[in-house]
C-alpha atoms as a PDB file:
ATOM      1  CA  MET A   1      83.545 107.728 105.056  1.00  0.00           C
ATOM      2  CA  VAL A   2      83.742 107.011 101.329  1.00  0.00           C
ATOM      3  CA  VAL A   3      87.065 106.935  99.505  1.00  0.00           C
ATOM      4  CA  SER A   4      87.149 106.673  95.732  1.00  0.00           C
ATOM      5  CA  VAL A   5      90.275 105.844  93.741  1.00  0.00           C
ATOM      6  CA  CYS A   6      90.676 104.587  90.211  1.00  0.00           C
ATOM      7  CA  PRO A   7      94.098 103.108  89.384  1.00  0.00           C
ATOM      8  CA  THR A   8      94.747 102.771  85.674  1.00  0.00           C
ATOM      9  CA  ALA A   9      97.589 101.532  83.469  1.00  0.00           C
ATOM     10  CA  VAL A  10      98.441 100.481  79.964  1.00  0.00           C
ATOM     11  CA  VAL A  11      99.790  96.931  80.013  1.00  0.00           C
ATOM     12  CA  ALA A  12     101.823  95.053  77.423  1.00  0.00           C
ATOM     13  CA  ALA A  13      99.243  92.342  76.826  1.00  0.00           C
ATOM     14  CA  SER A  14      96.264  92.070  74.525  1.00  0.00           C
ATOM     15  CA  VAL A  15      92.805  92.813  75.867  1.00  0.00           C
ATOM     16  CA  ASP A  16      91.921  89.122  75.396  1.00  0.00           C
ATOM     17  CA  GLU A  17      94.901  87.982  77.480  1.00  0.00           C
ATOM     18  CA  VAL A  18      94.036  90.369  80.306  1.00  0.00           C
ATOM     19  CA  TRP A  19      90.337  89.519  80.149  1.00  0.00           C
ATOM     20  CA  GLU A  20      91.200  85.809  80.491  1.00  0.00           C
ATOM     21  CA  LEU A  21      92.948  86.618  83.807  1.00  0.00           C
ATOM     22  CA  LEU A  22      89.979  88.642  85.059  1.00  0.00           C
ATOM     23  CA  ALA A  23      87.194  86.336  83.899  1.00  0.00           C
ATOM     24  CA  GLN A  24      88.689  83.110  85.304  1.00  0.00           C
ATOM     25  CA  THR A  25      88.760  83.155  89.111  1.00  0.00           C
ATOM     26  CA  SER A  26      91.162  80.182  89.066  1.00  0.00           C
ATOM     27  CA  LYS A  27      93.802  82.503  87.542  1.00  0.00           C
ATOM     28  CA  TYR A  28      93.587  85.242  90.186  1.00  0.00           C
ATOM     29  CA  ASP A  29      96.635  83.949  92.074  1.00  0.00           C
ATOM     30  CA  SER A  30      98.782  84.985  89.099  1.00  0.00           C
ATOM     31  CA  TRP A  31      98.000  88.691  89.495  1.00  0.00           C
ATOM     32  CA  TRP A  32      96.817  89.534  93.016  1.00  0.00           C
ATOM     33  CA  ASP A  33      98.483  89.424  96.405  1.00  0.00           C
ATOM     34  CA  ALA A  34      96.268  86.673  97.799  1.00  0.00           C
ATOM     35  CA  HIS A  35      95.730  82.945  97.494  1.00  0.00           C
ATOM     36  CA  LEU A  36      92.402  81.749  96.135  1.00  0.00           C
ATOM     37  CA  GLU A  37      91.068  79.082  98.484  1.00  0.00           C
ATOM     38  CA  ARG A  38      87.915  78.274  96.497  1.00  0.00           C
ATOM     39  CA  SER A  39      85.174  79.755  94.368  1.00  0.00           C
ATOM     40  CA  GLU A  40      81.517  78.752  94.433  1.00  0.00           C
ATOM     41  CA  PRO A  41      80.621  77.744  91.825  1.00  0.00           C
ATOM     42  CA  GLU A  42      83.956  76.940  90.202  1.00  0.00           C
ATOM     43  CA  GLY A  43      84.616  78.142  86.690  1.00  0.00           C
ATOM     44  CA  PRO A  44      84.480  81.468  84.908  1.00  0.00           C
ATOM     45  CA  ALA A  45      83.242  84.534  86.741  1.00  0.00           C
ATOM     46  CA  THR A  46      79.450  84.647  86.801  1.00  0.00           C
ATOM     47  CA  PRO A  47      77.048  86.921  88.669  1.00  0.00           C
ATOM     48  CA  GLY A  48      76.533  85.638  92.200  1.00  0.00           C
ATOM     49  CA  GLN A  49      79.771  83.635  92.240  1.00  0.00           C
ATOM     50  CA  LYS A  50      81.642  83.877  95.544  1.00  0.00           C
ATOM     51  CA  ALA A  51      85.397  83.531  95.876  1.00  0.00           C
ATOM     52  CA  TYR A  52      87.268  83.020  99.129  1.00  0.00           C
ATOM     53  CA  ALA A  53      90.945  83.915  99.453  1.00  0.00           C
ATOM     54  CA  THR A  54      93.586  84.552 102.082  1.00  0.00           C
ATOM     55  CA  THR A  55      96.479  86.954 102.224  1.00  0.00           C
ATOM     56  CA  ASN A  56      99.287  87.552 104.699  1.00  0.00           C
ATOM     57  CA  ALA A  57     100.355  90.850 106.235  1.00  0.00           C
ATOM     58  CA  PHE A  58     101.842  91.954 109.549  1.00  0.00           C
ATOM     59  CA  GLY A  59     102.513  88.329 110.464  1.00  0.00           C
ATOM     60  CA  LYS A  60      98.833  87.372 110.216  1.00  0.00           C
ATOM     61  CA  ARG A  61      96.631  85.554 107.765  1.00  0.00           C
ATOM     62  CA  TRP A  62      93.626  87.574 106.564  1.00  0.00           C
ATOM     63  CA  ASP A  63      90.437  86.421 104.859  1.00  0.00           C
ATOM     64  CA  VAL A  64      89.219  88.125 101.693  1.00  0.00           C
ATOM     65  CA  THR A  65      85.859  87.371 100.085  1.00  0.00           C
ATOM     66  CA  PHE A  66      84.417  88.702  96.882  1.00  0.00           C
ATOM     67  CA  VAL A  67      81.127  88.351  95.090  1.00  0.00           C
ATOM     68  CA  VAL A  68      80.840  88.787  91.330  1.00  0.00           C
ATOM     69  CA  LYS A  69      78.105  91.341  90.667  1.00  0.00           C
ATOM     70  CA  SER A  70      78.201  91.493  86.862  1.00  0.00           C
ATOM     71  CA  VAL A  71      80.239  90.252  83.917  1.00  0.00           C
ATOM     72  CA  ASP A  72      80.195  91.918  80.492  1.00  0.00           C
ATOM     73  CA  PRO A  73      82.568  89.990  78.187  1.00  0.00           C
ATOM     74  CA  ALA A  74      81.757  92.188  75.168  1.00  0.00           C
ATOM     75  CA  ARG A  75      82.945  95.303  77.041  1.00  0.00           C
ATOM     76  CA  HIS A  76      85.618  93.414  79.045  1.00  0.00           C
ATOM     77  CA  LYS A  77      83.989  94.677  82.243  1.00  0.00           C
ATOM     78  CA  LEU A  78      83.742  92.922  85.614  1.00  0.00           C
ATOM     79  CA  GLN A  79      82.074  94.267  88.754  1.00  0.00           C
ATOM     80  CA  VAL A  80      82.776  92.715  92.165  1.00  0.00           C
ATOM     81  CA  ASP A  81      82.187  93.478  95.815  1.00  0.00           C
ATOM     82  CA  VAL A  82      85.300  92.636  97.831  1.00  0.00           C
ATOM     83  CA  THR A  83      85.113  92.232 101.612  1.00  0.00           C
ATOM     84  CA  LEU A  84      88.451  92.916 103.276  1.00  0.00           C
ATOM     85  CA  PRO A  85      89.580  92.790 106.913  1.00  0.00           C
ATOM     86  CA  PHE A  86      88.229  95.379 109.374  1.00  0.00           C
ATOM     87  CA  GLY A  87      84.866  95.535 107.613  1.00  0.00           C
ATOM     88  CA  ILE A  88      86.190  97.279 104.519  1.00  0.00           C
ATOM     89  CA  VAL A  89      84.095  96.644 101.411  1.00  0.00           C
ATOM     90  CA  ASP A  90      85.370  97.580  97.958  1.00  0.00           C
ATOM     91  CA  HIS A  91      82.757  97.929  95.211  1.00  0.00           C
ATOM     92  CA  ALA A  92      85.147  97.485  92.288  1.00  0.00           C
ATOM     93  CA  THR A  93      84.742  97.737  88.546  1.00  0.00           C
ATOM     94  CA  LEU A  94      87.532  96.400  86.323  1.00  0.00           C
ATOM     95  CA  VAL A  95      87.518  97.412  82.660  1.00  0.00           C
ATOM     96  CA  CYS A  96      89.935  96.518  79.853  1.00  0.00           C
ATOM     97  CA  THR A  97      90.047  98.572  76.667  1.00  0.00           C
ATOM     98  CA  PRO A  98      92.251  97.652  73.706  1.00  0.00           C
ATOM     99  CA  VAL A  99      94.965 100.118  72.757  1.00  0.00           C
ATOM    100  CA  ASP A 100      96.335  98.016  69.916  1.00  0.00           C
ATOM    101  CA  ALA A 101      96.842  94.291  69.194  1.00  0.00           C
ATOM    102  CA  GLU A 102      99.543  93.952  71.854  1.00  0.00           C
ATOM    103  CA  SER A 103      98.443  96.269  74.664  1.00  0.00           C
ATOM    104  CA  CYS A 104      95.397  97.408  76.556  1.00  0.00           C
ATOM    105  CA  HIS A 105      94.272  99.963  79.089  1.00  0.00           C
ATOM    106  CA  VAL A 106      93.202  98.450  82.430  1.00  0.00           C
ATOM    107  CA  GLN A 107      91.151 100.460  84.898  1.00  0.00           C
ATOM    108  CA  PHE A 108      90.261  99.423  88.417  1.00  0.00           C
ATOM    109  CA  GLY A 109      87.957 101.494  90.476  1.00  0.00           C
END
């Protein structure tokens, strides 16, 4: 079964500020509901990079793994495959588009 959703929002931050949060795996803890354990290799998101994280729900600790598939800094676009509990895999594309100097449109899908 395939489910496709595409959350989107305009945020009160510049496209460069948001891209910095997306392109640096070490900053993921500031915006997602998980704790980054490590990324291999460390540093900015690069194709093939793997990140390992944990999250807590229902009184249990759950492992989350993602692999960076592509990074396009010029278009502020990041593609990742996220492996979640129960064999769920999310093929996600995150895109930031400037609205003005102080806000941007963020799409996740």
